[in-house]
Amino acid sequence: MDQLAREDKVKDLLEKQKFNLQEIAQMTDPQIEYYHWLYFEDYVYDYM
């Protein structure tokens, strides 16, 4: 993941107040992508 995408996802997670900056700084790119997906991505099946 490029730096800009990482910064956007980190910003979203911080605004959601699920993690603090120190916790996020220790995460790998795949972990950030996972948590962003977990809290922000909607799927059609979520609404069925």
PDB file of N, CA and C in Angstrom:
ATOM      1  N   MET A   1       0.858  -1.170   0.000  1.00  0.00           N
ATOM      2  CA  MET A   1       0.000   0.000   0.000  1.00  0.00           C
ATOM      3  C   MET A   1       0.898   1.224   0.000  1.00  0.00           C
ATOM      4  N   ASP A   2       0.520   2.211  -0.781  1.00  0.00           N
ATOM      5  CA  ASP A   2       1.345   3.422  -0.812  1.00  0.00           C
ATOM      6  C   ASP A   2       1.082   4.289   0.417  1.00  0.00           C
ATOM      7  N   GLN A   3       1.954   5.229   0.644  1.00  0.00           N
ATOM      8  CA  GLN A   3       1.908   6.058   1.857  1.00  0.00           C
ATOM      9  C   GLN A   3       0.615   6.869   1.952  1.00  0.00           C
ATOM     10  N   LEU A   4       0.145   7.377   0.825  1.00  0.00           N
ATOM     11  CA  LEU A   4      -1.073   8.187   0.823  1.00  0.00           C
ATOM     12  C   LEU A   4      -2.296   7.354   1.223  1.00  0.00           C
ATOM     13  N   ALA A   5      -2.390   6.152   0.686  1.00  0.00           N
ATOM     14  CA  ALA A   5      -3.507   5.269   1.042  1.00  0.00           C
ATOM     15  C   ALA A   5      -3.436   4.893   2.516  1.00  0.00           C
ATOM     16  N   ARG A   6      -2.225   4.622   2.999  1.00  0.00           N
ATOM     17  CA  ARG A   6      -2.056   4.283   4.420  1.00  0.00           C
ATOM     18  C   ARG A   6      -2.502   5.452   5.313  1.00  0.00           C
ATOM     19  N   GLU A   7      -2.101   6.659   4.960  1.00  0.00           N
ATOM     20  CA  GLU A   7      -2.465   7.833   5.757  1.00  0.00           C
ATOM     21  C   GLU A   7      -3.976   8.037   5.788  1.00  0.00           C
ATOM     22  N   ASP A   8      -4.636   7.821   4.655  1.00  0.00           N
ATOM     23  CA  ASP A   8      -6.093   7.960   4.609  1.00  0.00           C
ATOM     24  C   ASP A   8      -6.774   6.935   5.506  1.00  0.00           C
ATOM     25  N   LYS A   9      -6.305   5.703   5.455  1.00  0.00           N
ATOM     26  CA  LYS A   9      -6.907   4.648   6.275  1.00  0.00           C
ATOM     27  C   LYS A   9      -6.627   4.875   7.758  1.00  0.00           C
ATOM     28  N   VAL A  10      -5.428   5.340   8.081  1.00  0.00           N
ATOM     29  CA  VAL A  10      -5.085   5.647   9.472  1.00  0.00           C
ATOM     30  C   VAL A  10      -5.979   6.773   9.978  1.00  0.00           C
ATOM     31  N   LYS A  11      -6.184   7.789   9.155  1.00  0.00           N
ATOM     32  CA  LYS A  11      -7.050   8.911   9.543  1.00  0.00           C
ATOM     33  C   LYS A  11      -8.465   8.423   9.838  1.00  0.00           C
ATOM     34  N   ASP A  12      -8.990   7.546   8.987  1.00  0.00           N
ATOM     35  CA  ASP A  12     -10.330   7.008   9.204  1.00  0.00           C
ATOM     36  C   ASP A  12     -10.407   6.234  10.513  1.00  0.00           C
ATOM     37  N   LEU A  13      -9.398   5.408  10.787  1.00  0.00           N
ATOM     38  CA  LEU A  13      -9.403   4.617  12.023  1.00  0.00           C
ATOM     39  C   LEU A  13      -9.293   5.509  13.260  1.00  0.00           C
ATOM     40  N   LEU A  14      -8.498   6.562  13.172  1.00  0.00           N
ATOM     41  CA  LEU A  14      -8.384   7.484  14.302  1.00  0.00           C
ATOM     42  C   LEU A  14      -9.704   8.217  14.550  1.00  0.00           C
ATOM     43  N   GLU A  15     -10.383   8.612  13.483  1.00  0.00           N
ATOM     44  CA  GLU A  15     -11.667   9.291  13.630  1.00  0.00           C
ATOM     45  C   GLU A  15     -12.726   8.372  14.222  1.00  0.00           C
ATOM     46  N   LYS A  16     -12.637   7.097  13.919  1.00  0.00           N
ATOM     47  CA  LYS A  16     -13.576   6.110  14.460  1.00  0.00           C
ATOM     48  C   LYS A  16     -13.287   5.840  15.938  1.00  0.00           C
ATOM     49  N   GLN A  17     -12.110   6.256  16.410  1.00  0.00           N
ATOM     50  CA  GLN A  17     -11.664   6.118  17.793  1.00  0.00           C
ATOM     51  C   GLN A  17     -11.597   4.658  18.254  1.00  0.00           C
ATOM     52  N   LYS A  18     -11.184   3.801  17.337  1.00  0.00           N
ATOM     53  CA  LYS A  18     -11.000   2.396  17.683  1.00  0.00           C
ATOM     54  C   LYS A  18      -9.574   2.138  18.176  1.00  0.00           C
ATOM     55  N   PHE A  19      -8.631   2.948  17.688  1.00  0.00           N
ATOM     56  CA  PHE A  19      -7.224   2.772  18.032  1.00  0.00           C
ATOM     57  C   PHE A  19      -6.615   4.145  18.289  1.00  0.00           C
ATOM     58  N   ASN A  20      -5.528   4.153  19.059  1.00  0.00           N
ATOM     59  CA  ASN A  20      -4.808   5.411  19.200  1.00  0.00           C
ATOM     60  C   ASN A  20      -3.620   5.406  18.241  1.00  0.00           C
ATOM     61  N   LEU A  21      -2.963   6.544  18.127  1.00  0.00           N
ATOM     62  CA  LEU A  21      -1.881   6.686  17.150  1.00  0.00           C
ATOM     63  C   LEU A  21      -0.728   5.728  17.429  1.00  0.00           C
ATOM     64  N   GLN A  22      -0.430   5.475  18.689  1.00  0.00           N
ATOM     65  CA  GLN A  22       0.659   4.567  19.044  1.00  0.00           C
ATOM     66  C   GLN A  22       0.363   3.138  18.581  1.00  0.00           C
ATOM     67  N   GLU A  23      -0.869   2.692  18.760  1.00  0.00           N
ATOM     68  CA  GLU A  23      -1.245   1.342  18.319  1.00  0.00           C
ATOM     69  C   GLU A  23      -1.158   1.220  16.807  1.00  0.00           C
ATOM     70  N   ILE A  24      -1.631   2.241  16.112  1.00  0.00           N
ATOM     71  CA  ILE A  24      -1.614   2.204  14.656  1.00  0.00           C
ATOM     72  C   ILE A  24      -0.190   2.260  14.115  1.00  0.00           C
ATOM     73  N   ALA A  25       0.678   2.993  14.772  1.00  0.00           N
ATOM     74  CA  ALA A  25       2.064   3.106  14.321  1.00  0.00           C
ATOM     75  C   ALA A  25       2.769   1.751  14.340  1.00  0.00           C
ATOM     76  N   GLN A  26       2.327   0.848  15.192  1.00  0.00           N
ATOM     77  CA  GLN A  26       2.951  -0.474  15.296  1.00  0.00           C
ATOM     78  C   GLN A  26       2.343  -1.500  14.339  1.00  0.00           C
ATOM     79  N   MET A  27       1.262  -1.134  13.666  1.00  0.00           N
ATOM     80  CA  MET A  27       0.583  -2.057  12.760  1.00  0.00           C
ATOM     81  C   MET A  27       1.289  -2.124  11.409  1.00  0.00           C
ATOM     82  N   THR A  28       1.187  -3.285  10.799  1.00  0.00           N
ATOM     83  CA  THR A  28       1.688  -3.457   9.438  1.00  0.00           C
ATOM     84  C   THR A  28       0.609  -2.995   8.460  1.00  0.00           C
ATOM     85  N   ASP A  29       0.975  -2.839   7.200  1.00  0.00           N
ATOM     86  CA  ASP A  29       0.005  -2.444   6.183  1.00  0.00           C
ATOM     87  C   ASP A  29      -1.179  -3.413   6.107  1.00  0.00           C
ATOM     88  N   PRO A  30      -0.939  -4.730   6.087  1.00  0.00           N
ATOM     89  CA  PRO A  30      -2.088  -5.646   6.042  1.00  0.00           C
ATOM     90  C   PRO A  30      -3.023  -5.509   7.254  1.00  0.00           C
ATOM     91  N   GLN A  31      -2.468  -5.221   8.422  1.00  0.00           N
ATOM     92  CA  GLN A  31      -3.320  -5.038   9.598  1.00  0.00           C
ATOM     93  C   GLN A  31      -4.185  -3.792   9.447  1.00  0.00           C
ATOM     94  N   ILE A  32      -3.608  -2.707   8.964  1.00  0.00           N
ATOM     95  CA  ILE A  32      -4.373  -1.478   8.761  1.00  0.00           C
ATOM     96  C   ILE A  32      -5.468  -1.704   7.728  1.00  0.00           C
ATOM     97  N   GLU A  33      -5.134  -2.399   6.646  1.00  0.00           N
ATOM     98  CA  GLU A  33      -6.131  -2.694   5.623  1.00  0.00           C
ATOM     99  C   GLU A  33      -7.254  -3.552   6.194  1.00  0.00           C
ATOM    100  N   TYR A  34      -6.912  -4.528   7.033  1.00  0.00           N
ATOM    101  CA  TYR A  34      -7.918  -5.395   7.631  1.00  0.00           C
ATOM    102  C   TYR A  34      -8.872  -4.604   8.519  1.00  0.00           C
ATOM    103  N   TYR A  35      -8.341  -3.802   9.411  1.00  0.00           N
ATOM    104  CA  TYR A  35      -9.199  -3.049  10.322  1.00  0.00           C
ATOM    105  C   TYR A  35     -10.019  -1.998   9.582  1.00  0.00           C
ATOM    106  N   HIS A  36      -9.462  -1.412   8.549  1.00  0.00           N
ATOM    107  CA  HIS A  36     -10.225  -0.459   7.746  1.00  0.00           C
ATOM    108  C   HIS A  36     -11.374  -1.189   7.058  1.00  0.00           C
ATOM    109  N   TRP A  37     -11.090  -2.346   6.503  1.00  0.00           N
ATOM    110  CA  TRP A  37     -12.141  -3.160   5.879  1.00  0.00           C
ATOM    111  C   TRP A  37     -13.202  -3.524   6.914  1.00  0.00           C
ATOM    112  N   LEU A  38     -12.785  -3.923   8.107  1.00  0.00           N
ATOM    113  CA  LEU A  38     -13.688  -4.370   9.154  1.00  0.00           C
ATOM    114  C   LEU A  38     -14.658  -3.271   9.581  1.00  0.00           C
ATOM    115  N   TYR A  39     -14.177  -2.049   9.697  1.00  0.00           N
ATOM    116  CA  TYR A  39     -15.007  -0.965  10.206  1.00  0.00           C
ATOM    117  C   TYR A  39     -15.652  -0.091   9.145  1.00  0.00           C
ATOM    118  N   PHE A  40     -15.149  -0.118   7.916  1.00  0.00           N
ATOM    119  CA  PHE A  40     -15.641   0.844   6.932  1.00  0.00           C
ATOM    120  C   PHE A  40     -16.213   0.254   5.654  1.00  0.00           C
ATOM    121  N   GLU A  41     -15.952  -0.983   5.343  1.00  0.00           N
ATOM    122  CA  GLU A  41     -16.425  -1.543   4.082  1.00  0.00           C
ATOM    123  C   GLU A  41     -17.776  -2.211   4.275  1.00  0.00           C
ATOM    124  N   ASP A  42     -18.721  -1.871   3.423  1.00  0.00           N
ATOM    125  CA  ASP A  42     -20.042  -2.482   3.437  1.00  0.00           C
ATOM    126  C   ASP A  42     -20.182  -3.428   2.250  1.00  0.00           C
ATOM    127  N   TYR A  43     -20.901  -4.488   2.466  1.00  0.00           N
ATOM    128  CA  TYR A  43     -21.162  -5.440   1.409  1.00  0.00           C
ATOM    129  C   TYR A  43     -22.662  -5.640   1.276  1.00  0.00           C
ATOM    130  N   VAL A  44     -23.082  -6.057   0.104  1.00  0.00           N
ATOM    131  CA  VAL A  44     -24.500  -6.274  -0.149  1.00  0.00           C
ATOM    132  C   VAL A  44     -25.068  -7.252   0.879  1.00  0.00           C
ATOM    133  N   TYR A  45     -24.294  -8.270   1.230  1.00  0.00           N
ATOM    134  CA  TYR A  45     -24.788  -9.295   2.150  1.00  0.00           C
ATOM    135  C   TYR A  45     -25.017  -8.758   3.564  1.00  0.00           C
ATOM    136  N   ASP A  46     -24.400  -7.630   3.921  1.00  0.00           N
ATOM    137  CA  ASP A  46     -24.621  -7.031   5.227  1.00  0.00           C
ATOM    138  C   ASP A  46     -26.056  -6.543   5.388  1.00  0.00           C
ATOM    139  N   TYR A  47     -26.712  -6.282   4.282  1.00  0.00           N
ATOM    140  CA  TYR A  47     -28.058  -5.710   4.318  1.00  0.00           C
ATOM    141  C   TYR A  47     -29.149  -6.737   4.052  1.00  0.00           C
ATOM    142  N   MET A  48     -28.786  -7.989   3.927  1.00  0.00           N
ATOM    143  CA  MET A  48     -29.789  -9.042   3.657  1.00  0.00           C
ATOM    144  C   MET A  48     -30.249  -9.662   4.948  1.00  0.00           C
TER     145      MET A  48
END
